Amino acid sequence: MKDAVIIAIVTFAICMSLAKTYAKKFKYMVNSNQELTAYGACNIIGSFFASFPSAASLSRTSVYVNAGGRTQ
């Protein structure tokens, strides 16, 4: 259980640092409470369907942004 908590904290820290990096670049706000709630909901609901945990990836995000991808 202790290892799972540590992994969750590190994963969330990576996701937030990535979100804040691109939020600064594209001039939008990131709410860490909203992000934590979203990750928690996705991972809890996904656990009922044997899905992979959601997380962010710097390499995939960089390729997506450099290719001109946008969200929202």
C-alpha atoms as a PDB file:
ATOM      1  CA  MET A   1       0.000   0.000   0.000  1.00  0.00           C
ATOM      2  CA  LYS A   2       2.850   2.358   0.844  1.00  0.00           C
ATOM      3  CA  ASP A   3       4.397   1.864  -2.609  1.00  0.00           C
ATOM      4  CA  ALA A   4       1.092   2.619  -4.340  1.00  0.00           C
ATOM      5  CA  VAL A   5       0.746   5.915  -2.473  1.00  0.00           C
ATOM      6  CA  ILE A   6       4.294   6.937  -3.396  1.00  0.00           C
ATOM      7  CA  ILE A   7       3.711   6.065  -7.066  1.00  0.00           C
ATOM      8  CA  ALA A   8       0.457   8.046  -7.070  1.00  0.00           C
ATOM      9  CA  ILE A   9       2.152  11.117  -5.577  1.00  0.00           C
ATOM     10  CA  VAL A  10       5.066  10.997  -8.036  1.00  0.00           C
ATOM     11  CA  THR A  11       2.718  10.471 -10.994  1.00  0.00           C
ATOM     12  CA  PHE A  12       0.549  13.398  -9.959  1.00  0.00           C
ATOM     13  CA  ALA A  13       3.606  15.625  -9.491  1.00  0.00           C
ATOM     14  CA  ILE A  14       4.816  14.776 -13.005  1.00  0.00           C
ATOM     15  CA  CYS A  15       1.358  15.384 -14.483  1.00  0.00           C
ATOM     16  CA  MET A  16       1.029  18.749 -12.750  1.00  0.00           C
ATOM     17  CA  SER A  17       4.487  19.933 -13.756  1.00  0.00           C
ATOM     18  CA  LEU A  18       3.735  19.020 -17.360  1.00  0.00           C
ATOM     19  CA  ALA A  19       0.335  20.719 -17.228  1.00  0.00           C
ATOM     20  CA  LYS A  20       1.802  23.880 -15.707  1.00  0.00           C
ATOM     21  CA  THR A  21       4.591  23.965 -18.299  1.00  0.00           C
ATOM     22  CA  TYR A  22       2.157  23.936 -21.200  1.00  0.00           C
ATOM     23  CA  ALA A  23      -0.336  26.159 -19.389  1.00  0.00           C
ATOM     24  CA  LYS A  24       2.338  28.833 -19.204  1.00  0.00           C
ATOM     25  CA  LYS A  25       3.202  28.345 -22.895  1.00  0.00           C
ATOM     26  CA  PHE A  26      -0.425  28.559 -24.086  1.00  0.00           C
ATOM     27  CA  LYS A  27      -1.574  31.063 -21.425  1.00  0.00           C
ATOM     28  CA  TYR A  28      -4.271  29.167 -19.548  1.00  0.00           C
ATOM     29  CA  MET A  29      -4.847  28.307 -15.904  1.00  0.00           C
ATOM     30  CA  VAL A  30      -4.485  24.862 -14.322  1.00  0.00           C
ATOM     31  CA  ASN A  31      -6.374  23.994 -11.132  1.00  0.00           C
ATOM     32  CA  SER A  32      -4.494  21.271  -9.248  1.00  0.00           C
ATOM     33  CA  ASN A  33      -7.582  20.245  -7.239  1.00  0.00           C
ATOM     34  CA  GLN A  34      -9.568  19.763 -10.437  1.00  0.00           C
ATOM     35  CA  GLU A  35      -6.711  17.779 -11.998  1.00  0.00           C
ATOM     36  CA  LEU A  36      -6.411  15.523  -8.944  1.00  0.00           C
ATOM     37  CA  THR A  37     -10.165  14.907  -8.931  1.00  0.00           C
ATOM     38  CA  ALA A  38     -10.125  14.075 -12.641  1.00  0.00           C
ATOM     39  CA  TYR A  39      -7.182  11.667 -12.341  1.00  0.00           C
ATOM     40  CA  GLY A  40      -8.754  10.011  -9.320  1.00  0.00           C
ATOM     41  CA  ALA A  41     -12.135   9.590 -11.012  1.00  0.00           C
ATOM     42  CA  CYS A  42     -10.560   8.215 -14.200  1.00  0.00           C
ATOM     43  CA  ASN A  43      -8.434   5.727 -12.327  1.00  0.00           C
ATOM     44  CA  ILE A  44     -11.220   4.572 -10.002  1.00  0.00           C
ATOM     45  CA  ILE A  45     -13.744   4.121 -12.813  1.00  0.00           C
ATOM     46  CA  GLY A  46     -11.093   2.555 -15.042  1.00  0.00           C
ATOM     47  CA  SER A  47     -10.268  -0.021 -12.380  1.00  0.00           C
ATOM     48  CA  PHE A  48     -13.673  -1.626 -12.932  1.00  0.00           C
ATOM     49  CA  PHE A  49     -12.818  -2.198 -16.605  1.00  0.00           C
ATOM     50  CA  ALA A  50      -9.190  -3.381 -16.234  1.00  0.00           C
ATOM     51  CA  SER A  51      -7.823  -0.272 -17.942  1.00  0.00           C
ATOM     52  CA  PHE A  52      -4.365   1.204 -17.564  1.00  0.00           C
ATOM     53  CA  PRO A  53      -3.900   4.047 -15.059  1.00  0.00           C
ATOM     54  CA  SER A  54      -4.055   7.511 -16.591  1.00  0.00           C
ATOM     55  CA  ALA A  55      -0.879   9.573 -16.540  1.00  0.00           C
ATOM     56  CA  ALA A  56       0.951  12.214 -18.549  1.00  0.00           C
ATOM     57  CA  SER A  57       3.988  11.735 -20.759  1.00  0.00           C
ATOM     58  CA  LEU A  58       6.433  14.505 -21.638  1.00  0.00           C
ATOM     59  CA  SER A  59       7.564  12.856 -24.871  1.00  0.00           C
ATOM     60  CA  ARG A  60       4.047  12.235 -26.220  1.00  0.00           C
ATOM     61  CA  THR A  61       2.860  15.687 -25.188  1.00  0.00           C
ATOM     62  CA  SER A  62       5.846  17.361 -26.868  1.00  0.00           C
ATOM     63  CA  VAL A  63       5.243  15.486 -30.126  1.00  0.00           C
ATOM     64  CA  TYR A  64       1.532  16.330 -29.981  1.00  0.00           C
ATOM     65  CA  VAL A  65       2.163  20.047 -29.398  1.00  0.00           C
ATOM     66  CA  ASN A  66       4.899  20.269 -32.052  1.00  0.00           C
ATOM     67  CA  ALA A  67       2.567  18.604 -34.560  1.00  0.00           C
ATOM     68  CA  GLY A  68       0.039  21.398 -33.955  1.00  0.00           C
ATOM     69  CA  GLY A  69      -2.375  19.471 -31.758  1.00  0.00           C
ATOM     70  CA  ARG A  70      -4.828  21.400 -29.587  1.00  0.00           C
ATOM     71  CA  THR A  71      -7.477  20.535 -27.014  1.00  0.00           C
ATOM     72  CA  GLN A  72     -10.497  22.380 -25.672  1.00  0.00           C
END
